[in-house]
Amino acid sequence: MFRTFSTVAKKKFTVGKFLVILMVIDALLIVSLLILSLFPQFYRKKDYFLESTFTLNMVLIGIFLLAVLNYVLFSAKNKAHPNGTLELLHDRIIVDDQVIPADDIERLRLIGNDIKGDFRGFISRGIRNQMVISFKDGSITEVNFEQTSSNKLRDKKDVLETWYNERKLSESNYLNILRNTNYY
């Protein structure tokens, strides 16, 4: 049984995205100055262009360090809260109190491999896992859940094998879970 978590709305504009945009702009400026220094008509300004690239390189390193610091300090901060349980059984899936029989499910996809306590640039909370359930009527349900070192999908091999044999879980998804690689 896994704990489920509420979905948090993703922000369109974040500090991390802004820093990435600044890094791309800075890198483009450096490349353009280096290209301009190759043209003979800019021979008199060649030294100025090359000196400017040094300054821009230092700015790029500073922005990169800020981006890394932002990632380490704020990536693990997720405002998701536990809101129920998820149980994956041989013949059904139970999400909170809702029982979903295997006959109603067309496809099952597991996304994640985020284990609580693992180091991923930060100490993971283990809640970046998702189960996508596609129903035969065309509707889709997404459930975010937590994996811990003592409660992993990989340890549910017999249940996963049942879902794979019924052609509800794809072969690549099934094998990636068993190999403990990122699964999509």
Protein backbone atom coordinates (compact mmCIF):
# COMPACT_ATOMS: atom_id res chain seq x y z
CA MET A 1 0.00 0.00 0.00
CA PHE A 2 1.37 3.41 -1.02
CA ARG A 3 0.43 6.86 0.25
CA THR A 4 -1.07 9.15 -2.39
CA PHE A 5 -0.38 12.85 -2.65
CA SER A 6 -2.30 15.82 -4.01
CA THR A 7 -1.17 17.32 -7.29
CA VAL A 8 0.45 20.70 -7.13
CA ALA A 9 -0.18 23.12 -9.97
CA LYS A 10 3.02 23.69 -11.89
CA LYS A 11 4.10 27.30 -12.19
CA LYS A 12 4.66 28.59 -15.69
CA PHE A 13 7.44 30.94 -14.62
CA THR A 14 9.93 30.07 -11.90
CA VAL A 15 13.31 31.36 -10.77
CA GLY A 16 14.95 28.21 -12.15
CA LYS A 17 13.45 28.76 -15.62
CA PHE A 18 14.52 32.42 -15.52
CA LEU A 19 18.10 31.43 -14.70
CA VAL A 20 18.14 28.92 -17.57
CA ILE A 21 16.93 31.64 -19.97
CA LEU A 22 19.70 33.94 -18.72
CA MET A 23 22.30 31.19 -19.26
CA VAL A 24 21.11 30.62 -22.83
CA ILE A 25 21.20 34.36 -23.62
CA ASP A 26 24.69 34.67 -22.12
CA ALA A 27 25.97 31.66 -24.07
CA LEU A 28 24.53 33.07 -27.31
CA LEU A 29 26.25 36.42 -26.64
CA ILE A 30 29.57 34.66 -26.07
CA VAL A 31 29.26 32.64 -29.27
CA SER A 32 28.21 35.68 -31.31
CA LEU A 33 31.17 37.75 -30.02
CA LEU A 34 33.56 34.91 -30.85
CA ILE A 35 32.10 34.66 -34.35
CA LEU A 36 32.32 38.43 -34.84
CA SER A 37 35.98 38.39 -33.84
CA LEU A 38 36.69 36.07 -36.80
CA PHE A 39 35.55 38.60 -39.44
CA PRO A 40 38.32 40.81 -40.91
CA GLN A 41 36.15 43.96 -40.91
CA PHE A 42 36.06 43.80 -37.08
CA TYR A 43 39.85 43.47 -36.77
CA ARG A 44 40.20 46.67 -34.73
CA LYS A 45 37.56 45.49 -32.21
CA LYS A 46 38.74 41.88 -32.04
CA ASP A 47 40.57 42.34 -28.71
CA TYR A 48 37.56 44.08 -27.18
CA PHE A 49 35.27 41.21 -28.28
CA LEU A 50 37.60 38.58 -26.85
CA GLU A 51 37.97 40.47 -23.55
CA SER A 52 34.18 40.76 -23.33
CA THR A 53 33.82 37.01 -23.68
CA PHE A 54 35.89 36.55 -20.52
CA THR A 55 33.48 38.75 -18.56
CA LEU A 56 30.49 36.97 -20.05
CA ASN A 57 32.03 33.59 -19.15
CA MET A 58 32.35 34.70 -15.53
CA VAL A 59 28.72 35.86 -15.58
CA LEU A 60 27.71 32.48 -17.06
CA ILE A 61 29.52 30.63 -14.28
CA GLY A 62 27.80 32.83 -11.68
CA ILE A 63 24.35 32.20 -13.18
CA PHE A 64 25.10 28.46 -13.35
CA LEU A 65 26.06 28.41 -9.66
CA LEU A 66 22.86 30.28 -8.78
CA ALA A 67 20.84 27.76 -10.80
CA VAL A 68 22.51 24.84 -8.99
CA LEU A 69 21.89 26.49 -5.63
CA ASN A 70 18.26 27.10 -6.57
CA TYR A 71 17.88 23.45 -7.60
CA VAL A 72 19.44 22.06 -4.43
CA LEU A 73 17.55 24.35 -2.05
CA PHE A 74 14.13 24.50 -3.67
CA SER A 75 13.66 21.36 -5.80
CA ALA A 76 12.86 19.16 -2.84
CA LYS A 77 10.29 21.65 -1.56
CA ASN A 78 7.04 20.31 -2.86
CA LYS A 79 3.78 21.55 -1.45
CA ALA A 80 1.99 18.23 -2.06
CA HIS A 81 0.19 16.78 0.94
CA PRO A 82 -0.79 13.16 1.63
CA ASN A 83 -4.44 12.59 0.83
CA GLY A 84 -5.05 8.85 0.76
CA THR A 85 -3.73 5.44 -0.18
CA LEU A 86 -3.09 3.40 -3.30
CA GLU A 87 -3.10 -0.38 -3.35
CA LEU A 88 -2.09 -2.37 -6.41
CA LEU A 89 -3.56 -5.87 -6.31
CA HIS A 90 -3.71 -8.74 -8.82
CA ASP A 91 -7.29 -8.12 -9.91
CA ARG A 92 -7.96 -4.50 -8.95
CA ILE A 93 -6.50 -1.16 -7.91
CA ILE A 94 -7.79 0.57 -4.82
CA VAL A 95 -7.36 4.35 -4.73
CA ASP A 96 -8.58 5.70 -1.38
CA ASP A 97 -11.96 3.96 -1.09
CA GLN A 98 -12.55 3.62 -4.84
CA VAL A 99 -12.12 0.07 -6.18
CA ILE A 100 -11.11 -0.10 -9.84
CA PRO A 101 -11.51 -3.62 -11.27
CA ALA A 102 -8.91 -4.82 -13.78
CA ASP A 103 -11.68 -5.39 -16.35
CA ASP A 104 -12.36 -1.63 -16.50
CA ILE A 105 -8.71 -0.76 -17.16
CA GLU A 106 -7.31 -0.56 -20.69
CA ARG A 107 -3.69 0.45 -19.89
CA LEU A 108 -1.62 1.06 -16.78
CA ARG A 109 1.48 3.22 -16.83
CA LEU A 110 3.86 3.80 -13.91
CA ILE A 111 6.10 6.87 -13.98
CA GLY A 112 8.79 7.60 -11.47
CA ASN A 113 11.38 5.60 -9.54
CA ASP A 114 11.62 8.32 -6.89
CA ILE A 115 12.47 6.63 -3.57
CA LYS A 116 12.22 8.53 -0.28
CA GLY A 117 15.66 9.30 1.15
CA ASP A 118 17.60 8.80 -2.10
CA PHE A 119 19.98 11.58 -3.06
CA ARG A 120 19.04 13.24 -6.38
CA GLY A 121 20.86 16.52 -5.96
CA PHE A 122 18.74 16.80 -2.84
CA ILE A 123 17.30 14.29 -0.38
CA SER A 124 14.18 13.00 -2.13
CA ARG A 125 10.78 12.90 -0.46
CA GLY A 126 9.80 9.99 -2.74
CA ILE A 127 6.57 11.58 -3.99
CA ARG A 128 7.45 12.13 -7.64
CA ASN A 129 5.88 8.88 -8.74
CA GLN A 130 2.73 8.65 -10.80
CA MET A 131 0.30 5.95 -11.88
CA VAL A 132 -1.69 6.72 -15.02
CA ILE A 133 -4.78 4.55 -15.41
CA SER A 134 -6.45 4.57 -18.84
CA PHE A 135 -9.98 3.20 -18.75
CA LYS A 136 -11.80 1.38 -21.54
CA ASP A 137 -14.31 4.24 -21.77
CA GLY A 138 -11.46 6.63 -22.72
CA SER A 139 -11.09 8.46 -19.40
CA ILE A 140 -7.77 8.76 -17.62
CA THR A 141 -6.93 8.96 -13.92
CA GLU A 142 -3.56 10.07 -12.60
CA VAL A 143 -2.46 9.26 -9.06
CA ASN A 144 0.72 10.60 -7.43
CA PHE A 145 2.16 8.23 -4.85
CA GLU A 146 5.13 7.79 -2.53
CA GLN A 147 7.77 5.05 -2.62
CA THR A 148 9.99 4.38 0.36
CA SER A 149 13.00 2.11 0.72
CA SER A 150 10.81 -0.45 2.49
CA ASN A 151 7.81 -0.07 0.14
CA LYS A 152 8.83 -0.03 -3.54
CA LEU A 153 7.06 -1.01 -6.75
CA ARG A 154 10.02 -3.25 -7.52
CA ASP A 155 9.11 -5.40 -4.50
CA LYS A 156 5.63 -6.06 -5.97
CA LYS A 157 7.00 -8.23 -8.79
CA ASP A 158 4.22 -10.84 -8.67
CA VAL A 159 1.47 -8.19 -8.91
CA LEU A 160 3.27 -6.35 -11.71
CA GLU A 161 3.75 -9.63 -13.57
CA THR A 162 -0.01 -10.24 -13.43
CA TRP A 163 -0.72 -6.82 -14.92
CA TYR A 164 1.97 -7.36 -17.57
CA ASN A 165 0.59 -10.82 -18.52
CA GLU A 166 -2.87 -9.30 -18.94
CA ARG A 167 -1.33 -6.78 -21.37
CA LYS A 168 -2.33 -3.84 -19.17
CA LEU A 169 1.28 -2.89 -18.34
CA SER A 170 3.73 -2.46 -21.24
CA GLU A 171 6.83 -4.63 -21.46
CA SER A 172 9.24 -1.68 -21.30
CA ASN A 173 7.47 -0.23 -18.25
CA TYR A 174 7.47 -3.62 -16.52
CA LEU A 175 11.16 -4.34 -17.25
CA ASN A 176 12.29 -0.85 -16.24
CA ILE A 177 10.58 -1.22 -12.88
CA LEU A 178 12.28 -4.56 -12.28
CA ARG A 179 15.68 -3.19 -13.38
CA ASN A 180 15.18 -0.21 -11.03
CA THR A 181 15.74 2.34 -13.80
CA ASN A 182 13.62 5.42 -14.42
CA TYR A 183 10.34 4.33 -15.91
CA TYR A 184 8.09 6.43 -18.13
